[in-house]
Amino acid sequence: MQEFQNNFLNFVIENEILRFGEFTLKSGRISPYFFNAGLFNTGEKLLFLARCYAEAIAQSNLSYDVLFGPAYKGIPLVAATAMALASEHGINKPFCFNRKEAKIHGEGGVIVGAELTGDVLIIDDVITAGTAIREAVEILDSCGAHLNGIAVAMDRQERGTGKLSAIQEIEENYQITIVNIINLQNIIDYLQAANDSKLRQHLDSVTAYREEYGA
């Protein structure tokens, strides 16, 4: 596990963005952990998240021309990540996002910011069913742009209705790489190495969940 991933886990656990217990998911599964990216809700937290996105992207060596944030959650993520890439890594890339409804006055259209063209890296929080990504790809296609990668905060590494996870299905369907800050295996590794007995008590349930539902 990279240092930035360990720091990320320290941060999300301390701020209760990642919690352990029993949580009912939309799928009906009872998960022993829950990651709530909506709790990156202060300037300090968003800055930290953006720096972690930037580190993961920089280390991935992905090639892209523009960053795109799907509305609405992707809007602050893409703006903050673009700033972090520039300030922390000297990578100055244009970014844009979409409106949910087309603007019919002024400049018009659904895209705000830079021109959506060339190879695109999407910034999103998590991927569950993949619906938001398919919608984003339709927007890219309409602009003549090409999806070249996606960056997410967390990969649950969890099967959907088939053998693959939503992320694996997207990677396979679009022939792209999805970069994550952390994944479920990182959480398991973190719990195994934890000195805190309160944290270590969740190791068995998280490991069992991975064994039952892991992709």
N, C-alpha and C. Protein backbone atom coordinates (compact mmCIF):
# COMPACT_ATOMS: atom_id res chain seq x y z
N MET A 1 0.84 -1.19 0.00
CA MET A 1 0.00 0.00 0.00
C MET A 1 0.88 1.25 0.00
N GLN A 2 0.53 2.22 -0.85
CA GLN A 2 1.30 3.45 -0.94
C GLN A 2 1.06 4.33 0.30
N GLU A 3 2.01 5.22 0.57
CA GLU A 3 1.89 6.09 1.74
C GLU A 3 0.63 6.95 1.67
N PHE A 4 0.30 7.47 0.48
CA PHE A 4 -0.87 8.33 0.37
C PHE A 4 -2.15 7.54 0.63
N GLN A 5 -2.15 6.25 0.31
CA GLN A 5 -3.32 5.42 0.58
C GLN A 5 -3.47 5.18 2.08
N ASN A 6 -2.37 4.94 2.76
CA ASN A 6 -2.41 4.77 4.22
C ASN A 6 -2.87 6.05 4.89
N ASN A 7 -2.37 7.20 4.42
CA ASN A 7 -2.79 8.49 4.96
C ASN A 7 -4.27 8.73 4.70
N PHE A 8 -4.72 8.31 3.52
CA PHE A 8 -6.13 8.47 3.17
C PHE A 8 -7.01 7.66 4.13
N LEU A 9 -6.62 6.43 4.40
CA LEU A 9 -7.39 5.59 5.32
C LEU A 9 -7.38 6.16 6.73
N ASN A 10 -6.24 6.64 7.18
CA ASN A 10 -6.19 7.31 8.48
C ASN A 10 -7.21 8.44 8.55
N PHE A 11 -7.24 9.23 7.48
CA PHE A 11 -8.08 10.43 7.44
C PHE A 11 -9.57 10.06 7.41
N VAL A 12 -9.95 9.12 6.54
CA VAL A 12 -11.39 8.82 6.41
C VAL A 12 -11.93 8.09 7.63
N ILE A 13 -11.10 7.33 8.30
CA ILE A 13 -11.55 6.67 9.52
C ILE A 13 -11.67 7.68 10.66
N GLU A 14 -10.68 8.54 10.78
CA GLU A 14 -10.70 9.57 11.83
C GLU A 14 -11.90 10.49 11.68
N ASN A 15 -12.27 10.80 10.43
CA ASN A 15 -13.37 11.72 10.17
C ASN A 15 -14.71 10.99 9.94
N GLU A 16 -14.72 9.69 10.20
CA GLU A 16 -15.92 8.86 10.08
C GLU A 16 -16.54 8.91 8.69
N ILE A 17 -15.70 9.10 7.68
CA ILE A 17 -16.13 8.99 6.29
C ILE A 17 -16.19 7.52 5.91
N LEU A 18 -15.26 6.75 6.48
CA LEU A 18 -15.30 5.29 6.40
C LEU A 18 -15.65 4.77 7.80
N ARG A 19 -16.76 4.04 7.88
CA ARG A 19 -17.23 3.54 9.17
C ARG A 19 -17.39 2.03 9.10
N PHE A 20 -17.29 1.40 10.26
CA PHE A 20 -17.45 -0.04 10.37
C PHE A 20 -18.64 -0.36 11.26
N GLY A 21 -19.33 -1.46 10.93
CA GLY A 21 -20.52 -1.85 11.67
C GLY A 21 -21.39 -2.73 10.80
N GLU A 22 -22.69 -2.45 10.74
CA GLU A 22 -23.61 -3.15 9.85
C GLU A 22 -24.43 -2.13 9.08
N PHE A 23 -24.30 -2.18 7.75
CA PHE A 23 -24.96 -1.20 6.90
C PHE A 23 -25.67 -1.92 5.77
N THR A 24 -26.95 -1.61 5.59
CA THR A 24 -27.72 -2.23 4.51
C THR A 24 -27.53 -1.41 3.24
N LEU A 25 -27.02 -2.06 2.19
CA LEU A 25 -26.79 -1.41 0.91
C LEU A 25 -28.04 -1.45 0.05
N LYS A 26 -28.03 -0.68 -1.05
CA LYS A 26 -29.16 -0.69 -1.97
C LYS A 26 -29.42 -2.10 -2.51
N SER A 27 -28.36 -2.88 -2.62
CA SER A 27 -28.47 -4.24 -3.13
C SER A 27 -29.16 -5.17 -2.14
N GLY A 28 -29.30 -4.71 -0.88
CA GLY A 28 -29.87 -5.54 0.17
C GLY A 28 -28.81 -6.27 0.98
N ARG A 29 -27.57 -6.22 0.51
CA ARG A 29 -26.50 -6.87 1.25
C ARG A 29 -26.20 -6.10 2.53
N ILE A 30 -25.80 -6.84 3.57
CA ILE A 30 -25.39 -6.22 4.83
C ILE A 30 -23.88 -6.09 4.81
N SER A 31 -23.41 -4.87 4.68
CA SER A 31 -21.98 -4.62 4.58
C SER A 31 -21.38 -4.27 5.94
N PRO A 32 -20.18 -4.77 6.24
CA PRO A 32 -19.53 -4.45 7.51
C PRO A 32 -18.81 -3.10 7.49
N TYR A 33 -18.89 -2.40 6.37
CA TYR A 33 -18.26 -1.08 6.29
C TYR A 33 -19.07 -0.20 5.35
N PHE A 34 -18.92 1.10 5.51
CA PHE A 34 -19.63 2.04 4.64
C PHE A 34 -18.75 3.25 4.40
N PHE A 35 -18.60 3.60 3.12
CA PHE A 35 -17.78 4.75 2.72
C PHE A 35 -18.72 5.82 2.19
N ASN A 36 -18.75 6.97 2.85
CA ASN A 36 -19.66 8.06 2.49
C ASN A 36 -18.86 9.24 1.97
N ALA A 37 -18.66 9.29 0.65
CA ALA A 37 -17.85 10.35 0.06
C ALA A 37 -18.51 11.73 0.20
N GLY A 38 -19.81 11.76 0.48
CA GLY A 38 -20.49 13.03 0.68
C GLY A 38 -20.02 13.77 1.91
N LEU A 39 -19.29 13.10 2.79
CA LEU A 39 -18.79 13.74 4.00
C LEU A 39 -17.47 14.48 3.80
N PHE A 40 -16.96 14.49 2.57
CA PHE A 40 -15.85 15.40 2.25
C PHE A 40 -16.48 16.77 2.01
N ASN A 41 -16.98 17.38 3.09
CA ASN A 41 -17.88 18.52 2.97
C ASN A 41 -17.35 19.81 3.58
N THR A 42 -16.04 19.88 3.79
CA THR A 42 -15.42 21.15 4.20
C THR A 42 -14.26 21.42 3.25
N GLY A 43 -13.77 22.65 3.29
CA GLY A 43 -12.64 22.98 2.43
C GLY A 43 -11.43 22.12 2.71
N GLU A 44 -11.15 21.87 3.98
CA GLU A 44 -10.00 21.05 4.36
C GLU A 44 -10.15 19.63 3.84
N LYS A 45 -11.34 19.06 4.02
CA LYS A 45 -11.57 17.68 3.59
C LYS A 45 -11.51 17.54 2.08
N LEU A 46 -12.11 18.49 1.37
CA LEU A 46 -12.10 18.43 -0.09
C LEU A 46 -10.68 18.60 -0.63
N LEU A 47 -9.90 19.49 0.00
CA LEU A 47 -8.52 19.67 -0.41
C LEU A 47 -7.72 18.38 -0.23
N PHE A 48 -7.92 17.73 0.89
CA PHE A 48 -7.23 16.46 1.14
C PHE A 48 -7.62 15.42 0.10
N LEU A 49 -8.91 15.31 -0.18
CA LEU A 49 -9.39 14.35 -1.17
C LEU A 49 -8.80 14.64 -2.54
N ALA A 50 -8.80 15.90 -2.93
CA ALA A 50 -8.27 16.28 -4.24
C ALA A 50 -6.79 15.93 -4.37
N ARG A 51 -6.03 16.14 -3.30
CA ARG A 51 -4.61 15.80 -3.35
C ARG A 51 -4.41 14.29 -3.50
N CYS A 52 -5.30 13.51 -2.89
CA CYS A 52 -5.20 12.05 -3.04
C CYS A 52 -5.58 11.61 -4.44
N TYR A 53 -6.63 12.21 -5.01
CA TYR A 53 -6.95 11.95 -6.41
C TYR A 53 -5.74 12.25 -7.29
N ALA A 54 -5.16 13.43 -7.08
CA ALA A 54 -4.03 13.86 -7.90
C ALA A 54 -2.86 12.89 -7.80
N GLU A 55 -2.59 12.42 -6.59
CA GLU A 55 -1.48 11.48 -6.39
C GLU A 55 -1.76 10.16 -7.12
N ALA A 56 -2.98 9.65 -6.99
CA ALA A 56 -3.33 8.40 -7.66
C ALA A 56 -3.25 8.54 -9.17
N ILE A 57 -3.73 9.67 -9.69
CA ILE A 57 -3.70 9.91 -11.14
C ILE A 57 -2.27 10.05 -11.63
N ALA A 58 -1.46 10.82 -10.91
CA ALA A 58 -0.07 11.03 -11.31
C ALA A 58 0.69 9.71 -11.34
N GLN A 59 0.45 8.86 -10.34
CA GLN A 59 1.15 7.58 -10.28
C GLN A 59 0.67 6.58 -11.34
N SER A 60 -0.54 6.79 -11.85
CA SER A 60 -1.11 5.86 -12.83
C SER A 60 -0.48 6.01 -14.21
N ASN A 61 0.08 7.20 -14.48
CA ASN A 61 0.65 7.50 -15.80
C ASN A 61 -0.38 7.41 -16.93
N LEU A 62 -1.65 7.61 -16.59
CA LEU A 62 -2.69 7.64 -17.62
C LEU A 62 -2.49 8.84 -18.54
N SER A 63 -2.81 8.65 -19.80
CA SER A 63 -2.74 9.74 -20.77
C SER A 63 -4.14 10.33 -20.96
N TYR A 64 -4.27 11.65 -20.89
CA TYR A 64 -5.56 12.30 -21.07
C TYR A 64 -5.34 13.76 -21.44
N ASP A 65 -6.34 14.32 -22.10
CA ASP A 65 -6.26 15.72 -22.54
C ASP A 65 -7.08 16.65 -21.66
N VAL A 66 -8.16 16.14 -21.10
CA VAL A 66 -9.07 16.99 -20.31
C VAL A 66 -9.70 16.15 -19.20
N LEU A 67 -9.98 16.82 -18.10
CA LEU A 67 -10.68 16.20 -16.96
C LEU A 67 -12.15 16.55 -17.04
N PHE A 68 -13.01 15.57 -16.74
CA PHE A 68 -14.46 15.79 -16.82
C PHE A 68 -15.13 15.32 -15.54
N GLY A 69 -15.99 16.17 -14.96
CA GLY A 69 -16.73 15.82 -13.75
C GLY A 69 -18.21 15.73 -14.03
N PRO A 70 -18.80 14.55 -13.96
CA PRO A 70 -20.24 14.41 -14.19
C PRO A 70 -21.05 15.12 -13.11
N ALA A 71 -22.05 15.89 -13.53
CA ALA A 71 -22.92 16.58 -12.56
C ALA A 71 -23.72 15.54 -11.76
N TYR A 72 -23.95 15.79 -10.46
CA TYR A 72 -23.51 16.99 -9.77
C TYR A 72 -22.26 16.73 -8.91
N LYS A 73 -22.13 15.51 -8.43
CA LYS A 73 -21.06 15.22 -7.48
C LYS A 73 -19.68 15.42 -8.07
N GLY A 74 -19.57 15.20 -9.38
CA GLY A 74 -18.27 15.31 -10.02
C GLY A 74 -17.78 16.73 -10.22
N ILE A 75 -18.68 17.71 -10.04
CA ILE A 75 -18.29 19.10 -10.32
C ILE A 75 -17.22 19.61 -9.34
N PRO A 76 -17.45 19.57 -8.02
CA PRO A 76 -16.39 20.02 -7.12
C PRO A 76 -15.17 19.11 -7.17
N LEU A 77 -15.39 17.82 -7.44
CA LEU A 77 -14.26 16.88 -7.48
C LEU A 77 -13.31 17.20 -8.62
N VAL A 78 -13.86 17.48 -9.81
CA VAL A 78 -13.00 17.73 -10.96
C VAL A 78 -12.27 19.06 -10.82
N ALA A 79 -12.95 20.08 -10.29
CA ALA A 79 -12.31 21.38 -10.11
C ALA A 79 -11.17 21.29 -9.09
N ALA A 80 -11.44 20.65 -7.96
CA ALA A 80 -10.42 20.54 -6.92
C ALA A 80 -9.27 19.67 -7.37
N THR A 81 -9.55 18.59 -8.09
CA THR A 81 -8.49 17.70 -8.56
C THR A 81 -7.61 18.39 -9.59
N ALA A 82 -8.21 19.18 -10.47
CA ALA A 82 -7.43 19.93 -11.46
C ALA A 82 -6.46 20.88 -10.75
N MET A 83 -6.92 21.53 -9.69
CA MET A 83 -6.05 22.43 -8.93
C MET A 83 -4.93 21.66 -8.24
N ALA A 84 -5.27 20.51 -7.66
CA ALA A 84 -4.26 19.70 -6.95
C ALA A 84 -3.22 19.15 -7.92
N LEU A 85 -3.64 18.74 -9.10
CA LEU A 85 -2.68 18.26 -10.10
C LEU A 85 -1.70 19.36 -10.48
N ALA A 86 -2.22 20.58 -10.64
CA ALA A 86 -1.36 21.71 -11.02
C ALA A 86 -0.42 22.11 -9.89
N SER A 87 -0.95 22.20 -8.66
CA SER A 87 -0.13 22.71 -7.55
C SER A 87 0.83 21.67 -7.00
N GLU A 88 0.41 20.39 -6.99
CA GLU A 88 1.22 19.34 -6.37
C GLU A 88 2.12 18.61 -7.36
N HIS A 89 1.73 18.56 -8.63
CA HIS A 89 2.46 17.74 -9.59
C HIS A 89 2.88 18.49 -10.86
N GLY A 90 2.54 19.77 -10.95
CA GLY A 90 2.89 20.53 -12.14
C GLY A 90 2.19 20.05 -13.39
N ILE A 91 1.03 19.40 -13.23
CA ILE A 91 0.24 18.91 -14.35
C ILE A 91 -0.95 19.85 -14.54
N ASN A 92 -0.88 20.67 -15.55
CA ASN A 92 -1.89 21.71 -15.76
C ASN A 92 -2.83 21.29 -16.88
N LYS A 93 -3.95 20.66 -16.52
CA LYS A 93 -4.90 20.16 -17.51
C LYS A 93 -6.20 20.95 -17.46
N PRO A 94 -6.84 21.15 -18.61
CA PRO A 94 -8.16 21.79 -18.62
C PRO A 94 -9.20 20.86 -18.01
N PHE A 95 -10.28 21.45 -17.51
CA PHE A 95 -11.35 20.63 -16.95
C PHE A 95 -12.70 21.21 -17.32
N CYS A 96 -13.71 20.35 -17.28
CA CYS A 96 -15.07 20.80 -17.57
C CYS A 96 -16.06 19.88 -16.86
N PHE A 97 -17.32 20.29 -16.88
CA PHE A 97 -18.38 19.48 -16.30
C PHE A 97 -19.66 19.76 -17.09
N ASN A 98 -20.69 18.99 -16.82
CA ASN A 98 -21.93 19.15 -17.57
C ASN A 98 -23.04 19.73 -16.71
N ARG A 99 -23.98 20.37 -17.38
CA ARG A 99 -25.24 20.75 -16.75
C ARG A 99 -26.22 19.59 -16.90
N LYS A 100 -27.13 19.48 -15.98
CA LYS A 100 -28.17 18.47 -16.11
C LYS A 100 -29.15 18.83 -17.23
N GLU A 101 -29.38 20.15 -17.42
CA GLU A 101 -30.26 20.61 -18.48
C GLU A 101 -29.51 21.63 -19.33
N ALA A 102 -29.71 21.56 -20.64
CA ALA A 102 -29.01 22.46 -21.55
C ALA A 102 -29.42 23.90 -21.31
N LYS A 103 -28.44 24.80 -21.36
CA LYS A 103 -28.69 26.23 -21.23
C LYS A 103 -29.03 26.79 -22.60
N ILE A 104 -30.14 27.51 -22.70
CA ILE A 104 -30.59 27.97 -24.01
C ILE A 104 -30.26 29.44 -24.26
N HIS A 105 -29.65 30.13 -23.26
CA HIS A 105 -29.25 31.51 -23.48
C HIS A 105 -27.74 31.63 -23.22
N GLY A 106 -27.19 32.80 -23.48
CA GLY A 106 -25.75 32.97 -23.30
C GLY A 106 -24.98 32.05 -24.23
N GLU A 107 -23.99 31.35 -23.66
CA GLU A 107 -23.16 30.46 -24.48
C GLU A 107 -23.88 29.17 -24.82
N GLY A 108 -24.96 28.85 -24.08
CA GLY A 108 -25.76 27.67 -24.39
C GLY A 108 -25.03 26.37 -24.11
N GLY A 109 -25.67 25.26 -24.45
CA GLY A 109 -25.05 23.95 -24.33
C GLY A 109 -25.13 23.36 -22.94
N VAL A 110 -24.53 22.18 -22.80
CA VAL A 110 -24.55 21.47 -21.51
C VAL A 110 -23.18 21.41 -20.86
N ILE A 111 -22.12 21.78 -21.57
CA ILE A 111 -20.75 21.69 -21.04
C ILE A 111 -20.29 23.04 -20.53
N VAL A 112 -19.75 23.05 -19.33
CA VAL A 112 -19.21 24.26 -18.70
C VAL A 112 -17.72 24.07 -18.50
N GLY A 113 -16.94 25.09 -18.88
CA GLY A 113 -15.49 25.02 -18.70
C GLY A 113 -14.78 24.82 -20.01
N ALA A 114 -13.75 23.99 -19.99
CA ALA A 114 -12.95 23.75 -21.18
C ALA A 114 -13.74 22.94 -22.21
N GLU A 115 -13.26 22.95 -23.44
CA GLU A 115 -13.89 22.16 -24.49
C GLU A 115 -13.72 20.67 -24.19
N LEU A 116 -14.80 19.93 -24.32
CA LEU A 116 -14.77 18.49 -24.08
C LEU A 116 -14.33 17.81 -25.37
N THR A 117 -13.04 17.53 -25.45
CA THR A 117 -12.48 16.99 -26.68
C THR A 117 -11.26 16.12 -26.38
N GLY A 118 -10.90 15.27 -27.32
CA GLY A 118 -9.72 14.43 -27.14
C GLY A 118 -9.95 13.31 -26.15
N ASP A 119 -8.87 12.87 -25.50
CA ASP A 119 -8.94 11.80 -24.49
C ASP A 119 -9.35 12.37 -23.14
N VAL A 120 -10.34 11.75 -22.53
CA VAL A 120 -10.96 12.31 -21.32
C VAL A 120 -10.74 11.40 -20.12
N LEU A 121 -10.42 12.02 -18.97
CA LEU A 121 -10.36 11.32 -17.69
C LEU A 121 -11.51 11.82 -16.84
N ILE A 122 -12.43 10.92 -16.50
CA ILE A 122 -13.57 11.26 -15.66
C ILE A 122 -13.18 11.17 -14.19
N ILE A 123 -13.61 12.16 -13.40
CA ILE A 123 -13.41 12.14 -11.95
C ILE A 123 -14.76 11.92 -11.29
N ASP A 124 -14.89 10.83 -10.52
CA ASP A 124 -16.15 10.53 -9.84
C ASP A 124 -15.83 10.01 -8.44
N ASP A 125 -16.84 9.92 -7.59
CA ASP A 125 -16.57 9.48 -6.21
C ASP A 125 -16.49 7.96 -6.12
N VAL A 126 -17.57 7.29 -6.47
CA VAL A 126 -17.60 5.83 -6.47
C VAL A 126 -18.39 5.37 -7.69
N ILE A 127 -18.24 4.10 -8.04
CA ILE A 127 -19.05 3.51 -9.11
C ILE A 127 -19.80 2.34 -8.51
N THR A 128 -21.12 2.42 -8.58
CA THR A 128 -21.93 1.31 -8.05
C THR A 128 -22.49 0.50 -9.21
N ALA A 129 -23.57 0.99 -9.82
CA ALA A 129 -24.17 0.25 -10.94
C ALA A 129 -23.56 0.65 -12.28
N GLY A 130 -22.83 1.77 -12.32
CA GLY A 130 -22.22 2.21 -13.57
C GLY A 130 -23.12 3.07 -14.43
N THR A 131 -24.34 3.37 -13.94
CA THR A 131 -25.30 4.16 -14.72
C THR A 131 -24.77 5.56 -15.02
N ALA A 132 -24.18 6.21 -14.01
CA ALA A 132 -23.67 7.57 -14.19
C ALA A 132 -22.55 7.61 -15.22
N ILE A 133 -21.74 6.56 -15.26
CA ILE A 133 -20.64 6.53 -16.22
C ILE A 133 -21.18 6.35 -17.63
N ARG A 134 -22.18 5.50 -17.80
CA ARG A 134 -22.78 5.33 -19.13
C ARG A 134 -23.38 6.64 -19.62
N GLU A 135 -24.02 7.38 -18.72
CA GLU A 135 -24.56 8.68 -19.10
C GLU A 135 -23.45 9.65 -19.49
N ALA A 136 -22.34 9.61 -18.74
CA ALA A 136 -21.21 10.48 -19.05
C ALA A 136 -20.60 10.14 -20.40
N VAL A 137 -20.52 8.86 -20.71
CA VAL A 137 -19.96 8.42 -21.99
C VAL A 137 -20.83 8.92 -23.15
N GLU A 138 -22.14 8.94 -22.95
CA GLU A 138 -23.04 9.47 -23.99
C GLU A 138 -22.73 10.94 -24.26
N ILE A 139 -22.45 11.69 -23.18
CA ILE A 139 -22.10 13.11 -23.34
C ILE A 139 -20.78 13.23 -24.10
N LEU A 140 -19.79 12.41 -23.73
CA LEU A 140 -18.50 12.44 -24.42
C LEU A 140 -18.68 12.13 -25.90
N ASP A 141 -19.45 11.10 -26.19
CA ASP A 141 -19.68 10.70 -27.59
C ASP A 141 -20.32 11.83 -28.38
N SER A 142 -21.28 12.53 -27.76
CA SER A 142 -21.98 13.61 -28.46
C SER A 142 -21.04 14.77 -28.79
N CYS A 143 -19.94 14.88 -28.02
CA CYS A 143 -18.97 15.95 -28.25
C CYS A 143 -17.79 15.48 -29.10
N GLY A 144 -17.78 14.20 -29.45
CA GLY A 144 -16.67 13.67 -30.23
C GLY A 144 -15.44 13.38 -29.39
N ALA A 145 -15.61 13.32 -28.06
CA ALA A 145 -14.50 13.03 -27.15
C ALA A 145 -14.43 11.53 -26.89
N HIS A 146 -13.30 11.10 -26.30
CA HIS A 146 -13.05 9.67 -26.10
C HIS A 146 -12.71 9.40 -24.63
N LEU A 147 -13.43 8.46 -24.02
CA LEU A 147 -13.14 8.09 -22.63
C LEU A 147 -11.83 7.29 -22.59
N ASN A 148 -10.88 7.79 -21.81
CA ASN A 148 -9.59 7.12 -21.71
C ASN A 148 -9.29 6.62 -20.30
N GLY A 149 -10.12 6.99 -19.32
CA GLY A 149 -9.89 6.53 -17.96
C GLY A 149 -10.86 7.18 -17.00
N ILE A 150 -10.95 6.59 -15.81
CA ILE A 150 -11.81 7.10 -14.74
C ILE A 150 -11.02 7.04 -13.44
N ALA A 151 -11.18 8.05 -12.61
CA ALA A 151 -10.57 8.05 -11.27
C ALA A 151 -11.69 8.09 -10.24
N VAL A 152 -11.66 7.16 -9.29
CA VAL A 152 -12.67 7.12 -8.23
C VAL A 152 -11.97 7.12 -6.88
N ALA A 153 -12.72 7.50 -5.85
CA ALA A 153 -12.14 7.51 -4.51
C ALA A 153 -11.97 6.09 -3.98
N MET A 154 -12.98 5.23 -4.23
CA MET A 154 -12.92 3.88 -3.68
C MET A 154 -13.51 2.86 -4.63
N ASP A 155 -12.87 1.70 -4.69
CA ASP A 155 -13.36 0.55 -5.42
C ASP A 155 -13.74 -0.52 -4.39
N ARG A 156 -15.04 -0.85 -4.31
CA ARG A 156 -15.49 -1.84 -3.33
C ARG A 156 -15.08 -3.26 -3.73
N GLN A 157 -14.62 -3.45 -4.97
CA GLN A 157 -14.20 -4.78 -5.47
C GLN A 157 -15.27 -5.83 -5.19
N GLU A 158 -16.51 -5.46 -5.47
CA GLU A 158 -17.65 -6.29 -5.11
C GLU A 158 -18.44 -6.68 -6.35
N ARG A 159 -18.80 -7.95 -6.45
CA ARG A 159 -19.57 -8.43 -7.58
C ARG A 159 -20.92 -7.73 -7.66
N GLY A 160 -21.39 -7.55 -8.90
CA GLY A 160 -22.76 -7.08 -9.10
C GLY A 160 -23.66 -8.30 -9.22
N THR A 161 -24.46 -8.34 -10.28
CA THR A 161 -25.34 -9.49 -10.49
C THR A 161 -24.59 -10.66 -11.11
N GLY A 162 -23.45 -10.38 -11.73
CA GLY A 162 -22.65 -11.44 -12.34
C GLY A 162 -21.36 -11.67 -11.57
N LYS A 163 -20.34 -12.15 -12.27
CA LYS A 163 -19.07 -12.45 -11.63
C LYS A 163 -18.19 -11.22 -11.48
N LEU A 164 -18.47 -10.20 -12.29
CA LEU A 164 -17.62 -9.01 -12.29
C LEU A 164 -18.23 -7.90 -11.44
N SER A 165 -17.38 -7.01 -10.96
CA SER A 165 -17.85 -5.81 -10.29
C SER A 165 -18.25 -4.79 -11.35
N ALA A 166 -18.95 -3.74 -10.93
CA ALA A 166 -19.34 -2.68 -11.87
C ALA A 166 -18.10 -2.06 -12.51
N ILE A 167 -17.04 -1.90 -11.72
CA ILE A 167 -15.81 -1.32 -12.25
C ILE A 167 -15.16 -2.24 -13.27
N GLN A 168 -15.12 -3.52 -12.97
CA GLN A 168 -14.54 -4.48 -13.93
C GLN A 168 -15.35 -4.53 -15.23
N GLU A 169 -16.68 -4.43 -15.11
CA GLU A 169 -17.52 -4.42 -16.30
C GLU A 169 -17.23 -3.20 -17.17
N ILE A 170 -17.08 -2.04 -16.53
CA ILE A 170 -16.79 -0.82 -17.28
C ILE A 170 -15.41 -0.90 -17.93
N GLU A 171 -14.43 -1.39 -17.18
CA GLU A 171 -13.09 -1.55 -17.74
C GLU A 171 -13.11 -2.46 -18.96
N GLU A 172 -13.88 -3.53 -18.86
CA GLU A 172 -13.96 -4.50 -19.96
C GLU A 172 -14.72 -3.92 -21.15
N ASN A 173 -15.86 -3.28 -20.88
CA ASN A 173 -16.71 -2.77 -21.95
C ASN A 173 -16.06 -1.63 -22.73
N TYR A 174 -15.36 -0.75 -22.01
CA TYR A 174 -14.78 0.43 -22.65
C TYR A 174 -13.27 0.31 -22.88
N GLN A 175 -12.69 -0.81 -22.43
CA GLN A 175 -11.26 -1.03 -22.61
C GLN A 175 -10.44 0.12 -22.04
N ILE A 176 -10.71 0.44 -20.78
CA ILE A 176 -10.03 1.53 -20.10
C ILE A 176 -9.51 1.05 -18.75
N THR A 177 -8.75 1.94 -18.09
CA THR A 177 -8.28 1.69 -16.73
C THR A 177 -9.03 2.61 -15.78
N ILE A 178 -9.48 2.04 -14.67
CA ILE A 178 -10.10 2.85 -13.62
C ILE A 178 -9.15 2.92 -12.43
N VAL A 179 -8.74 4.13 -12.12
CA VAL A 179 -7.79 4.38 -11.03
C VAL A 179 -8.57 4.63 -9.75
N ASN A 180 -8.13 4.06 -8.65
CA ASN A 180 -8.78 4.32 -7.36
C ASN A 180 -7.76 4.81 -6.34
N ILE A 181 -8.25 5.58 -5.38
CA ILE A 181 -7.39 5.97 -4.26
C ILE A 181 -7.20 4.77 -3.35
N ILE A 182 -8.31 4.11 -2.99
CA ILE A 182 -8.24 2.89 -2.18
C ILE A 182 -9.24 1.87 -2.72
N ASN A 183 -9.02 0.63 -2.35
CA ASN A 183 -9.99 -0.42 -2.64
C ASN A 183 -10.21 -1.27 -1.39
N LEU A 184 -11.07 -2.26 -1.51
CA LEU A 184 -11.41 -3.08 -0.34
C LEU A 184 -10.20 -3.81 0.20
N GLN A 185 -9.32 -4.28 -0.68
CA GLN A 185 -8.14 -4.99 -0.21
C GLN A 185 -7.24 -4.07 0.61
N ASN A 186 -7.17 -2.78 0.24
CA ASN A 186 -6.41 -1.82 1.04
C ASN A 186 -6.97 -1.70 2.44
N ILE A 187 -8.30 -1.72 2.56
CA ILE A 187 -8.93 -1.65 3.87
C ILE A 187 -8.58 -2.87 4.71
N ILE A 188 -8.61 -4.04 4.09
CA ILE A 188 -8.26 -5.28 4.80
C ILE A 188 -6.81 -5.23 5.26
N ASP A 189 -5.91 -4.80 4.38
CA ASP A 189 -4.50 -4.69 4.74
C ASP A 189 -4.30 -3.71 5.89
N TYR A 190 -5.04 -2.61 5.85
CA TYR A 190 -4.95 -1.59 6.90
C TYR A 190 -5.40 -2.16 8.24
N LEU A 191 -6.51 -2.89 8.23
CA LEU A 191 -7.01 -3.48 9.48
C LEU A 191 -6.05 -4.53 10.02
N GLN A 192 -5.43 -5.30 9.13
CA GLN A 192 -4.48 -6.31 9.56
C GLN A 192 -3.28 -5.68 10.27
N ALA A 193 -2.87 -4.50 9.80
CA ALA A 193 -1.68 -3.85 10.34
C ALA A 193 -1.99 -2.92 11.52
N ALA A 194 -3.28 -2.73 11.81
CA ALA A 194 -3.67 -1.77 12.84
C ALA A 194 -3.25 -2.21 14.23
N ASN A 195 -2.76 -1.26 15.00
CA ASN A 195 -2.43 -1.51 16.40
C ASN A 195 -3.64 -1.33 17.31
N ASP A 196 -4.65 -0.65 16.78
CA ASP A 196 -5.87 -0.35 17.54
C ASP A 196 -6.78 -1.58 17.55
N SER A 197 -7.01 -2.14 18.73
CA SER A 197 -7.84 -3.35 18.84
C SER A 197 -9.27 -3.09 18.40
N LYS A 198 -9.77 -1.86 18.56
CA LYS A 198 -11.12 -1.53 18.13
C LYS A 198 -11.25 -1.62 16.61
N LEU A 199 -10.18 -1.27 15.91
CA LEU A 199 -10.19 -1.40 14.46
C LEU A 199 -10.03 -2.86 14.04
N ARG A 200 -9.11 -3.55 14.69
CA ARG A 200 -8.81 -4.93 14.30
C ARG A 200 -10.01 -5.86 14.50
N GLN A 201 -10.94 -5.49 15.38
CA GLN A 201 -12.08 -6.35 15.62
C GLN A 201 -13.00 -6.46 14.40
N HIS A 202 -12.83 -5.54 13.44
CA HIS A 202 -13.66 -5.56 12.24
C HIS A 202 -13.03 -6.37 11.11
N LEU A 203 -11.81 -6.83 11.31
CA LEU A 203 -11.08 -7.51 10.24
C LEU A 203 -11.80 -8.76 9.76
N ASP A 204 -12.26 -9.60 10.68
CA ASP A 204 -12.89 -10.86 10.29
C ASP A 204 -14.15 -10.63 9.45
N SER A 205 -14.98 -9.68 9.87
CA SER A 205 -16.24 -9.45 9.15
C SER A 205 -15.98 -8.85 7.77
N VAL A 206 -15.00 -7.96 7.66
CA VAL A 206 -14.69 -7.36 6.36
C VAL A 206 -14.08 -8.41 5.42
N THR A 207 -13.20 -9.25 5.98
CA THR A 207 -12.59 -10.32 5.18
C THR A 207 -13.64 -11.32 4.72
N ALA A 208 -14.56 -11.67 5.59
CA ALA A 208 -15.63 -12.61 5.24
C ALA A 208 -16.52 -12.03 4.14
N TYR A 209 -16.78 -10.74 4.22
CA TYR A 209 -17.59 -10.07 3.20
C TYR A 209 -16.90 -10.12 1.85
N ARG A 210 -15.59 -9.88 1.87
CA ARG A 210 -14.81 -9.95 0.62
C ARG A 210 -14.86 -11.36 0.03
N GLU A 211 -14.74 -12.35 0.89
CA GLU A 211 -14.76 -13.74 0.41
C GLU A 211 -16.11 -14.11 -0.20
N GLU A 212 -17.19 -13.56 0.37
CA GLU A 212 -18.52 -13.91 -0.11
C GLU A 212 -18.92 -13.14 -1.37
N TYR A 213 -18.59 -11.84 -1.39
CA TYR A 213 -19.07 -10.99 -2.47
C TYR A 213 -17.98 -10.41 -3.36
N GLY A 214 -16.74 -10.67 -3.04
CA GLY A 214 -15.64 -10.06 -3.79
C GLY A 214 -15.61 -10.48 -5.25
N ALA A 215 -15.22 -9.53 -6.10
CA ALA A 215 -15.10 -9.80 -7.55
C ALA A 215 -13.68 -10.24 -7.86
